[in-house]
Amino acid sequence: MTTAETRVGFGFGSNLGDKPANIRRAVALLEERGIARLDAVSRLYRTPPWGDVDQGDFANACALGWTRLSPYELLAAVKTIEADMGRTPTRRWGPRLIDVDILFLGDHTMDDPELTLPHKELFSRAFVLKPLAEIGPDLTLDGASVARAAAEAAAEGIGIWEEKSTDAR
């Protein structure tokens, strides 16, 4: 564990079970376990599936905060949250109970099979850019404005999650 806090961004996704509750639980676990101190969490977004489109809509959200963990400590911590919540292996881009992505960690840049920072798909995914721009309108990663990328991203079918009595149990 490092001593200084580093700015961190997370992306969350769920398309199984109570999707909003899954995301709220993952967000809570980041703080309860001392993984990150969050200072901004986006609204929930309803998004169509991406990659493998033969599945239900996703709930997506992003969070910004601070962590003292190194990149690999942070990766292990979010993977533990996913496993503890019941995520099981599935096909690539397939349905999932919870997905917690590290979008960026300070100015760390790395590209290896286990972890790429900033997240290698961040700027090609409107379902990440929209909620991230909501809470980090001035955020710039690798010299690119998140807000500008979100404004230019194809966002068909992406909207704010309107919770109904059947969505929130």
N, C-alpha and C. Protein backbone atom coordinates (compact mmCIF):
# COMPACT_ATOMS: atom_id res chain seq x y z
N MET A 1 0.84 -1.17 0.00
CA MET A 1 0.00 0.00 0.00
C MET A 1 0.89 1.24 0.00
N THR A 2 0.53 2.22 -0.81
CA THR A 2 1.28 3.47 -0.85
C THR A 2 0.77 4.39 0.26
N THR A 3 1.51 5.46 0.54
CA THR A 3 1.08 6.37 1.60
C THR A 3 0.24 7.52 1.06
N ALA A 4 0.53 8.00 -0.12
CA ALA A 4 -0.22 9.12 -0.69
C ALA A 4 -1.48 8.62 -1.39
N GLU A 5 -2.52 9.44 -1.34
CA GLU A 5 -3.74 9.09 -2.06
C GLU A 5 -3.60 9.47 -3.53
N THR A 6 -4.18 8.65 -4.38
CA THR A 6 -4.16 8.85 -5.82
C THR A 6 -5.59 8.91 -6.32
N ARG A 7 -5.86 9.82 -7.26
CA ARG A 7 -7.20 9.94 -7.87
C ARG A 7 -7.49 8.67 -8.65
N VAL A 8 -8.73 8.18 -8.54
CA VAL A 8 -9.10 6.94 -9.20
C VAL A 8 -10.52 7.07 -9.76
N GLY A 9 -10.74 6.41 -10.89
CA GLY A 9 -12.07 6.35 -11.48
C GLY A 9 -12.49 4.91 -11.68
N PHE A 10 -13.75 4.63 -11.40
CA PHE A 10 -14.30 3.29 -11.55
C PHE A 10 -15.51 3.31 -12.47
N GLY A 11 -15.69 2.21 -13.21
CA GLY A 11 -16.89 2.00 -13.99
C GLY A 11 -17.58 0.75 -13.47
N PHE A 12 -18.91 0.79 -13.42
CA PHE A 12 -19.70 -0.33 -12.91
C PHE A 12 -20.73 -0.75 -13.94
N GLY A 13 -20.97 -2.04 -14.05
CA GLY A 13 -22.00 -2.54 -14.94
C GLY A 13 -22.65 -3.78 -14.37
N SER A 14 -23.95 -3.94 -14.65
CA SER A 14 -24.68 -5.13 -14.22
C SER A 14 -25.86 -5.35 -15.15
N ASN A 15 -26.08 -6.60 -15.56
CA ASN A 15 -27.31 -6.88 -16.30
C ASN A 15 -27.97 -8.19 -15.86
N LEU A 16 -27.71 -8.59 -14.62
CA LEU A 16 -28.37 -9.76 -14.03
C LEU A 16 -28.92 -9.38 -12.66
N GLY A 17 -30.07 -9.93 -12.33
CA GLY A 17 -30.65 -9.69 -11.01
C GLY A 17 -31.12 -8.26 -10.86
N ASP A 18 -31.03 -7.75 -9.64
CA ASP A 18 -31.41 -6.37 -9.34
C ASP A 18 -30.23 -5.47 -9.70
N LYS A 19 -30.22 -5.04 -10.93
CA LYS A 19 -29.06 -4.32 -11.49
C LYS A 19 -28.69 -3.07 -10.69
N PRO A 20 -29.64 -2.18 -10.38
CA PRO A 20 -29.27 -1.00 -9.58
C PRO A 20 -28.71 -1.37 -8.21
N ALA A 21 -29.32 -2.36 -7.57
CA ALA A 21 -28.82 -2.77 -6.24
C ALA A 21 -27.42 -3.36 -6.34
N ASN A 22 -27.14 -4.10 -7.41
CA ASN A 22 -25.80 -4.66 -7.59
C ASN A 22 -24.76 -3.55 -7.65
N ILE A 23 -25.06 -2.51 -8.40
CA ILE A 23 -24.11 -1.41 -8.54
C ILE A 23 -23.98 -0.66 -7.22
N ARG A 24 -25.10 -0.39 -6.57
CA ARG A 24 -25.02 0.30 -5.27
C ARG A 24 -24.19 -0.50 -4.27
N ARG A 25 -24.32 -1.82 -4.29
CA ARG A 25 -23.56 -2.67 -3.36
C ARG A 25 -22.06 -2.61 -3.67
N ALA A 26 -21.71 -2.68 -4.94
CA ALA A 26 -20.29 -2.61 -5.31
C ALA A 26 -19.68 -1.28 -4.91
N VAL A 27 -20.42 -0.20 -5.12
CA VAL A 27 -19.95 1.13 -4.70
C VAL A 27 -19.74 1.15 -3.19
N ALA A 28 -20.70 0.63 -2.44
CA ALA A 28 -20.60 0.62 -0.98
C ALA A 28 -19.40 -0.21 -0.53
N LEU A 29 -19.16 -1.35 -1.17
CA LEU A 29 -18.04 -2.20 -0.77
C LEU A 29 -16.69 -1.54 -0.99
N LEU A 30 -16.56 -0.71 -2.03
CA LEU A 30 -15.29 0.00 -2.22
C LEU A 30 -14.95 0.82 -0.99
N GLU A 31 -15.95 1.47 -0.43
CA GLU A 31 -15.70 2.30 0.75
C GLU A 31 -15.64 1.47 2.03
N GLU A 32 -16.57 0.53 2.20
CA GLU A 32 -16.59 -0.28 3.42
C GLU A 32 -15.28 -1.03 3.62
N ARG A 33 -14.67 -1.47 2.56
CA ARG A 33 -13.43 -2.24 2.66
C ARG A 33 -12.17 -1.37 2.64
N GLY A 34 -12.34 -0.06 2.59
CA GLY A 34 -11.20 0.85 2.61
C GLY A 34 -10.40 0.86 1.31
N ILE A 35 -11.04 0.43 0.24
CA ILE A 35 -10.36 0.38 -1.06
C ILE A 35 -10.24 1.78 -1.65
N ALA A 36 -11.30 2.55 -1.53
CA ALA A 36 -11.31 3.91 -2.06
C ALA A 36 -12.22 4.78 -1.21
N ARG A 37 -11.91 6.05 -1.18
CA ARG A 37 -12.75 7.08 -0.57
C ARG A 37 -13.40 7.82 -1.72
N LEU A 38 -14.68 7.56 -1.95
CA LEU A 38 -15.37 8.12 -3.11
C LEU A 38 -15.91 9.51 -2.80
N ASP A 39 -15.80 10.41 -3.79
CA ASP A 39 -16.36 11.74 -3.62
C ASP A 39 -17.37 12.10 -4.70
N ALA A 40 -17.59 11.20 -5.65
CA ALA A 40 -18.61 11.44 -6.67
C ALA A 40 -19.06 10.10 -7.26
N VAL A 41 -20.37 9.93 -7.35
CA VAL A 41 -20.95 8.75 -7.98
C VAL A 41 -22.02 9.24 -8.94
N SER A 42 -21.96 8.77 -10.17
CA SER A 42 -22.92 9.20 -11.18
C SER A 42 -24.30 8.61 -10.91
N ARG A 43 -25.27 9.12 -11.64
CA ARG A 43 -26.57 8.48 -11.67
C ARG A 43 -26.41 7.15 -12.39
N LEU A 44 -27.41 6.30 -12.26
CA LEU A 44 -27.43 5.03 -13.01
C LEU A 44 -27.92 5.30 -14.43
N TYR A 45 -27.31 4.62 -15.38
CA TYR A 45 -27.71 4.73 -16.78
C TYR A 45 -28.18 3.37 -17.26
N ARG A 46 -29.23 3.36 -18.06
CA ARG A 46 -29.69 2.14 -18.72
C ARG A 46 -29.04 2.13 -20.10
N THR A 47 -28.34 1.04 -20.40
CA THR A 47 -27.61 0.99 -21.67
C THR A 47 -27.84 -0.35 -22.36
N PRO A 48 -27.93 -0.31 -23.68
CA PRO A 48 -28.06 -1.58 -24.41
C PRO A 48 -26.75 -2.37 -24.31
N PRO A 49 -26.84 -3.69 -24.46
CA PRO A 49 -25.61 -4.49 -24.40
C PRO A 49 -24.64 -4.08 -25.50
N TRP A 50 -23.36 -4.27 -25.20
CA TRP A 50 -22.28 -3.87 -26.11
C TRP A 50 -21.42 -5.10 -26.36
N GLY A 51 -20.97 -5.28 -27.57
CA GLY A 51 -20.12 -6.43 -27.88
C GLY A 51 -20.98 -7.63 -28.21
N ASP A 52 -21.47 -8.31 -27.18
CA ASP A 52 -22.37 -9.46 -27.34
C ASP A 52 -23.77 -8.93 -27.06
N VAL A 53 -24.55 -8.68 -28.11
CA VAL A 53 -25.83 -7.97 -27.94
C VAL A 53 -27.01 -8.88 -27.63
N ASP A 54 -26.81 -10.19 -27.55
CA ASP A 54 -27.90 -11.13 -27.26
C ASP A 54 -28.06 -11.31 -25.74
N GLN A 55 -28.44 -10.21 -25.05
CA GLN A 55 -28.62 -10.23 -23.61
C GLN A 55 -29.38 -8.97 -23.20
N GLY A 56 -29.77 -8.90 -21.95
CA GLY A 56 -30.56 -7.78 -21.46
C GLY A 56 -29.76 -6.50 -21.31
N ASP A 57 -30.50 -5.39 -21.16
CA ASP A 57 -29.87 -4.09 -20.93
C ASP A 57 -29.02 -4.11 -19.66
N PHE A 58 -28.07 -3.21 -19.63
CA PHE A 58 -27.20 -3.03 -18.47
C PHE A 58 -27.60 -1.79 -17.69
N ALA A 59 -27.32 -1.82 -16.40
CA ALA A 59 -27.25 -0.61 -15.59
C ALA A 59 -25.76 -0.30 -15.50
N ASN A 60 -25.42 0.96 -15.73
CA ASN A 60 -24.03 1.40 -15.66
C ASN A 60 -23.92 2.65 -14.82
N ALA A 61 -22.77 2.84 -14.20
CA ALA A 61 -22.48 4.04 -13.42
C ALA A 61 -20.97 4.18 -13.32
N CYS A 62 -20.54 5.36 -12.90
CA CYS A 62 -19.12 5.61 -12.65
C CYS A 62 -18.96 6.28 -11.29
N ALA A 63 -17.77 6.19 -10.74
CA ALA A 63 -17.45 6.84 -9.47
C ALA A 63 -16.03 7.38 -9.53
N LEU A 64 -15.81 8.47 -8.83
CA LEU A 64 -14.49 9.06 -8.69
C LEU A 64 -14.14 9.11 -7.21
N GLY A 65 -12.88 8.93 -6.92
CA GLY A 65 -12.45 8.99 -5.53
C GLY A 65 -10.95 8.97 -5.41
N TRP A 66 -10.51 8.48 -4.27
CA TRP A 66 -9.09 8.47 -3.92
C TRP A 66 -8.75 7.12 -3.32
N THR A 67 -7.56 6.63 -3.62
CA THR A 67 -7.10 5.35 -3.06
C THR A 67 -5.63 5.45 -2.69
N ARG A 68 -5.22 4.60 -1.78
CA ARG A 68 -3.81 4.48 -1.42
C ARG A 68 -3.21 3.20 -2.01
N LEU A 69 -4.02 2.43 -2.73
CA LEU A 69 -3.56 1.15 -3.28
C LEU A 69 -2.76 1.33 -4.56
N SER A 70 -1.83 0.42 -4.77
CA SER A 70 -1.07 0.37 -6.02
C SER A 70 -1.99 -0.19 -7.11
N PRO A 71 -1.62 -0.08 -8.38
CA PRO A 71 -2.49 -0.61 -9.44
C PRO A 71 -2.89 -2.07 -9.25
N TYR A 72 -1.93 -2.94 -8.92
CA TYR A 72 -2.27 -4.35 -8.80
C TYR A 72 -3.02 -4.67 -7.51
N GLU A 73 -2.75 -3.93 -6.45
CA GLU A 73 -3.54 -4.09 -5.22
C GLU A 73 -4.99 -3.70 -5.50
N LEU A 74 -5.17 -2.62 -6.22
CA LEU A 74 -6.52 -2.15 -6.57
C LEU A 74 -7.24 -3.16 -7.45
N LEU A 75 -6.54 -3.70 -8.43
CA LEU A 75 -7.13 -4.72 -9.30
C LEU A 75 -7.58 -5.93 -8.48
N ALA A 76 -6.73 -6.41 -7.59
CA ALA A 76 -7.09 -7.56 -6.75
C ALA A 76 -8.31 -7.23 -5.89
N ALA A 77 -8.37 -6.02 -5.37
CA ALA A 77 -9.49 -5.63 -4.51
C ALA A 77 -10.81 -5.59 -5.27
N VAL A 78 -10.82 -5.05 -6.50
CA VAL A 78 -12.09 -5.00 -7.25
C VAL A 78 -12.49 -6.39 -7.74
N LYS A 79 -11.53 -7.21 -8.08
CA LYS A 79 -11.85 -8.60 -8.48
C LYS A 79 -12.44 -9.37 -7.30
N THR A 80 -11.95 -9.10 -6.09
CA THR A 80 -12.50 -9.74 -4.90
C THR A 80 -13.94 -9.29 -4.66
N ILE A 81 -14.22 -8.01 -4.86
CA ILE A 81 -15.61 -7.53 -4.74
C ILE A 81 -16.50 -8.28 -5.72
N GLU A 82 -16.07 -8.37 -6.98
CA GLU A 82 -16.87 -9.06 -7.99
C GLU A 82 -17.15 -10.51 -7.57
N ALA A 83 -16.12 -11.21 -7.12
CA ALA A 83 -16.28 -12.62 -6.72
C ALA A 83 -17.17 -12.73 -5.48
N ASP A 84 -16.96 -11.87 -4.50
CA ASP A 84 -17.75 -11.92 -3.28
C ASP A 84 -19.22 -11.62 -3.54
N MET A 85 -19.50 -10.82 -4.54
CA MET A 85 -20.89 -10.52 -4.89
C MET A 85 -21.53 -11.63 -5.72
N GLY A 86 -20.72 -12.59 -6.17
CA GLY A 86 -21.29 -13.72 -6.89
C GLY A 86 -21.05 -13.74 -8.39
N ARG A 87 -20.15 -12.89 -8.86
CA ARG A 87 -19.86 -12.92 -10.30
C ARG A 87 -19.18 -14.25 -10.65
N THR A 88 -19.66 -14.86 -11.70
CA THR A 88 -19.07 -16.11 -12.18
C THR A 88 -18.57 -15.89 -13.59
N PRO A 89 -17.56 -16.65 -13.99
CA PRO A 89 -17.03 -16.49 -15.34
C PRO A 89 -18.11 -16.74 -16.40
N THR A 90 -18.06 -15.97 -17.45
CA THR A 90 -19.00 -16.10 -18.56
C THR A 90 -18.26 -15.77 -19.84
N ARG A 91 -18.97 -15.79 -20.93
CA ARG A 91 -18.34 -15.46 -22.21
C ARG A 91 -17.93 -13.99 -22.23
N ARG A 92 -16.98 -13.67 -23.08
CA ARG A 92 -16.52 -12.29 -23.20
C ARG A 92 -17.68 -11.39 -23.57
N TRP A 93 -17.81 -10.28 -22.86
CA TRP A 93 -18.89 -9.30 -23.03
C TRP A 93 -20.26 -9.91 -22.77
N GLY A 94 -20.30 -11.03 -22.05
CA GLY A 94 -21.56 -11.69 -21.74
C GLY A 94 -22.23 -11.09 -20.52
N PRO A 95 -23.36 -11.67 -20.13
CA PRO A 95 -24.09 -11.17 -18.97
C PRO A 95 -23.25 -11.28 -17.71
N ARG A 96 -23.46 -10.34 -16.81
CA ARG A 96 -22.71 -10.38 -15.56
C ARG A 96 -23.50 -9.74 -14.44
N LEU A 97 -23.34 -10.31 -13.26
CA LEU A 97 -23.99 -9.77 -12.07
C LEU A 97 -23.39 -8.41 -11.73
N ILE A 98 -22.06 -8.33 -11.81
CA ILE A 98 -21.37 -7.06 -11.53
C ILE A 98 -20.04 -7.04 -12.28
N ASP A 99 -19.71 -5.87 -12.75
CA ASP A 99 -18.42 -5.64 -13.37
C ASP A 99 -17.90 -4.34 -12.77
N VAL A 100 -16.70 -4.37 -12.22
CA VAL A 100 -16.07 -3.18 -11.67
C VAL A 100 -14.76 -2.98 -12.43
N ASP A 101 -14.71 -1.91 -13.20
CA ASP A 101 -13.51 -1.59 -13.98
C ASP A 101 -12.77 -0.41 -13.36
N ILE A 102 -11.46 -0.50 -13.37
CA ILE A 102 -10.62 0.64 -13.00
C ILE A 102 -10.44 1.43 -14.28
N LEU A 103 -10.98 2.64 -14.32
CA LEU A 103 -10.91 3.45 -15.53
C LEU A 103 -9.58 4.19 -15.62
N PHE A 104 -9.12 4.68 -14.49
CA PHE A 104 -7.80 5.34 -14.44
C PHE A 104 -7.34 5.35 -12.99
N LEU A 105 -6.06 5.49 -12.80
CA LEU A 105 -5.46 5.58 -11.47
C LEU A 105 -4.37 6.63 -11.54
N GLY A 106 -4.72 7.85 -11.13
CA GLY A 106 -3.78 8.96 -11.21
C GLY A 106 -3.27 9.09 -12.63
N ASP A 107 -1.95 9.26 -12.75
CA ASP A 107 -1.36 9.36 -14.09
C ASP A 107 -0.65 8.08 -14.49
N HIS A 108 -0.99 6.98 -13.79
CA HIS A 108 -0.41 5.68 -14.15
C HIS A 108 -0.80 5.32 -15.58
N THR A 109 0.19 4.91 -16.36
CA THR A 109 -0.09 4.34 -17.68
C THR A 109 0.59 2.98 -17.71
N MET A 110 -0.18 1.99 -18.07
CA MET A 110 0.36 0.64 -18.19
C MET A 110 -0.49 -0.14 -19.17
N ASP A 111 0.16 -1.08 -19.81
CA ASP A 111 -0.53 -1.92 -20.79
C ASP A 111 0.06 -3.31 -20.72
N ASP A 112 -0.59 -4.15 -19.92
CA ASP A 112 -0.17 -5.54 -19.87
C ASP A 112 -1.43 -6.41 -19.85
N PRO A 113 -1.29 -7.72 -19.96
CA PRO A 113 -2.48 -8.58 -20.07
C PRO A 113 -3.44 -8.48 -18.88
N GLU A 114 -2.94 -8.16 -17.70
CA GLU A 114 -3.80 -8.09 -16.52
C GLU A 114 -4.46 -6.74 -16.31
N LEU A 115 -3.78 -5.66 -16.69
CA LEU A 115 -4.29 -4.33 -16.37
C LEU A 115 -3.76 -3.31 -17.36
N THR A 116 -4.67 -2.54 -17.92
CA THR A 116 -4.32 -1.44 -18.80
C THR A 116 -4.88 -0.16 -18.20
N LEU A 117 -4.03 0.83 -18.02
CA LEU A 117 -4.44 2.13 -17.48
C LEU A 117 -3.93 3.25 -18.36
N PRO A 118 -4.78 4.24 -18.66
CA PRO A 118 -6.22 4.22 -18.44
C PRO A 118 -6.85 3.04 -19.19
N HIS A 119 -8.09 2.69 -18.81
CA HIS A 119 -8.79 1.55 -19.40
C HIS A 119 -8.76 1.67 -20.92
N LYS A 120 -8.34 0.60 -21.58
CA LYS A 120 -8.11 0.66 -23.03
C LYS A 120 -9.37 0.93 -23.85
N GLU A 121 -10.55 0.62 -23.34
CA GLU A 121 -11.79 0.83 -24.10
C GLU A 121 -12.56 2.07 -23.66
N LEU A 122 -12.04 2.81 -22.69
CA LEU A 122 -12.79 3.93 -22.12
C LEU A 122 -13.32 4.89 -23.18
N PHE A 123 -12.50 5.32 -24.10
CA PHE A 123 -12.91 6.34 -25.07
C PHE A 123 -13.74 5.78 -26.22
N SER A 124 -14.00 4.47 -26.23
CA SER A 124 -14.87 3.90 -27.27
C SER A 124 -16.20 3.44 -26.70
N ARG A 125 -16.45 3.72 -25.43
CA ARG A 125 -17.67 3.24 -24.78
C ARG A 125 -18.50 4.40 -24.22
N ALA A 126 -19.55 4.74 -24.92
CA ALA A 126 -20.43 5.81 -24.46
C ALA A 126 -21.03 5.50 -23.10
N PHE A 127 -21.27 4.21 -22.82
CA PHE A 127 -21.88 3.84 -21.54
C PHE A 127 -20.95 4.09 -20.36
N VAL A 128 -19.68 4.33 -20.63
CA VAL A 128 -18.73 4.75 -19.59
C VAL A 128 -18.54 6.27 -19.66
N LEU A 129 -18.39 6.80 -20.86
CA LEU A 129 -18.13 8.23 -21.03
C LEU A 129 -19.25 9.11 -20.48
N LYS A 130 -20.50 8.73 -20.71
CA LYS A 130 -21.63 9.57 -20.27
C LYS A 130 -21.65 9.72 -18.74
N PRO A 131 -21.65 8.61 -17.97
CA PRO A 131 -21.65 8.81 -16.52
C PRO A 131 -20.34 9.41 -15.98
N LEU A 132 -19.22 9.12 -16.62
CA LEU A 132 -17.95 9.68 -16.16
C LEU A 132 -17.92 11.19 -16.39
N ALA A 133 -18.41 11.64 -17.54
CA ALA A 133 -18.46 13.08 -17.82
C ALA A 133 -19.42 13.80 -16.88
N GLU A 134 -20.47 13.10 -16.45
CA GLU A 134 -21.44 13.69 -15.51
C GLU A 134 -20.75 14.10 -14.22
N ILE A 135 -19.86 13.26 -13.70
CA ILE A 135 -19.23 13.53 -12.41
C ILE A 135 -17.82 14.12 -12.53
N GLY A 136 -17.24 14.06 -13.73
CA GLY A 136 -15.90 14.61 -13.96
C GLY A 136 -15.86 15.44 -15.22
N PRO A 137 -16.66 16.52 -15.29
CA PRO A 137 -16.74 17.29 -16.53
C PRO A 137 -15.42 17.91 -16.98
N ASP A 138 -14.49 18.11 -16.07
CA ASP A 138 -13.19 18.70 -16.42
C ASP A 138 -12.08 17.66 -16.52
N LEU A 139 -12.45 16.38 -16.43
CA LEU A 139 -11.47 15.30 -16.45
C LEU A 139 -10.81 15.15 -17.82
N THR A 140 -9.48 15.07 -17.80
CA THR A 140 -8.70 14.82 -19.00
C THR A 140 -7.82 13.60 -18.74
N LEU A 141 -7.89 12.63 -19.64
CA LEU A 141 -7.09 11.42 -19.52
C LEU A 141 -6.29 11.22 -20.79
N ASP A 142 -5.01 10.99 -20.64
CA ASP A 142 -4.12 10.84 -21.79
C ASP A 142 -4.28 12.00 -22.78
N GLY A 143 -4.48 13.20 -22.25
CA GLY A 143 -4.59 14.39 -23.07
C GLY A 143 -5.94 14.58 -23.74
N ALA A 144 -6.91 13.70 -23.48
CA ALA A 144 -8.23 13.80 -24.12
C ALA A 144 -9.28 14.17 -23.08
N SER A 145 -10.17 15.08 -23.45
CA SER A 145 -11.26 15.52 -22.59
C SER A 145 -12.35 14.46 -22.56
N VAL A 146 -12.69 14.00 -21.36
CA VAL A 146 -13.77 13.03 -21.21
C VAL A 146 -15.11 13.65 -21.62
N ALA A 147 -15.35 14.90 -21.24
CA ALA A 147 -16.61 15.56 -21.60
C ALA A 147 -16.75 15.69 -23.12
N ARG A 148 -15.69 16.05 -23.80
CA ARG A 148 -15.74 16.18 -25.25
C ARG A 148 -16.00 14.81 -25.90
N ALA A 149 -15.30 13.80 -25.40
CA ALA A 149 -15.51 12.45 -25.94
C ALA A 149 -16.93 11.97 -25.69
N ALA A 150 -17.49 12.29 -24.52
CA ALA A 150 -18.86 11.88 -24.20
C ALA A 150 -19.85 12.59 -25.13
N ALA A 151 -19.60 13.87 -25.41
CA ALA A 151 -20.50 14.62 -26.29
C ALA A 151 -20.47 14.08 -27.71
N GLU A 152 -19.33 13.55 -28.12
CA GLU A 152 -19.17 13.06 -29.49
C GLU A 152 -19.50 11.58 -29.63
N ALA A 153 -19.67 10.87 -28.52
CA ALA A 153 -19.89 9.42 -28.55
C ALA A 153 -21.29 9.09 -29.06
N ALA A 154 -21.38 8.02 -29.82
CA ALA A 154 -22.69 7.52 -30.26
C ALA A 154 -23.37 6.91 -29.05
N ALA A 155 -24.48 7.51 -28.65
CA ALA A 155 -25.12 7.10 -27.40
C ALA A 155 -26.56 6.62 -27.60
N GLU A 156 -26.84 6.03 -28.74
CA GLU A 156 -28.19 5.54 -29.00
C GLU A 156 -28.59 4.53 -27.92
N GLY A 157 -29.77 4.72 -27.38
CA GLY A 157 -30.30 3.78 -26.40
C GLY A 157 -29.81 4.00 -24.98
N ILE A 158 -28.90 4.94 -24.76
CA ILE A 158 -28.38 5.19 -23.42
C ILE A 158 -29.19 6.31 -22.77
N GLY A 159 -29.68 6.04 -21.57
CA GLY A 159 -30.45 7.05 -20.86
C GLY A 159 -30.36 6.83 -19.36
N ILE A 160 -30.90 7.77 -18.62
CA ILE A 160 -30.91 7.66 -17.17
C ILE A 160 -31.82 6.50 -16.78
N TRP A 161 -31.39 5.70 -15.81
CA TRP A 161 -32.17 4.57 -15.33
C TRP A 161 -33.34 5.11 -14.51
N GLU A 162 -34.52 4.85 -14.96
CA GLU A 162 -35.72 5.25 -14.23
C GLU A 162 -36.16 4.05 -13.41
N GLU A 163 -35.94 4.12 -12.10
CA GLU A 163 -36.29 2.98 -11.25
C GLU A 163 -37.79 2.92 -11.03
N LYS A 164 -38.34 1.75 -11.25
CA LYS A 164 -39.74 1.47 -11.03
C LYS A 164 -39.83 0.46 -9.91
N SER A 165 -41.01 0.21 -9.44
CA SER A 165 -41.16 -0.72 -8.33
C SER A 165 -40.62 -2.10 -8.68
N THR A 166 -40.62 -2.46 -9.97
CA THR A 166 -40.11 -3.79 -10.35
C THR A 166 -38.59 -3.79 -10.43
N ASP A 167 -37.95 -2.61 -10.57
CA ASP A 167 -36.50 -2.55 -10.67
C ASP A 167 -35.84 -2.55 -9.29
N ALA A 168 -36.42 -1.86 -8.34
CA ALA A 168 -35.80 -1.73 -7.02
C ALA A 168 -36.58 -2.58 -6.03
N ARG A 169 -36.00 -3.65 -5.62
CA ARG A 169 -36.68 -4.56 -4.68
C ARG A 169 -36.36 -4.18 -3.26
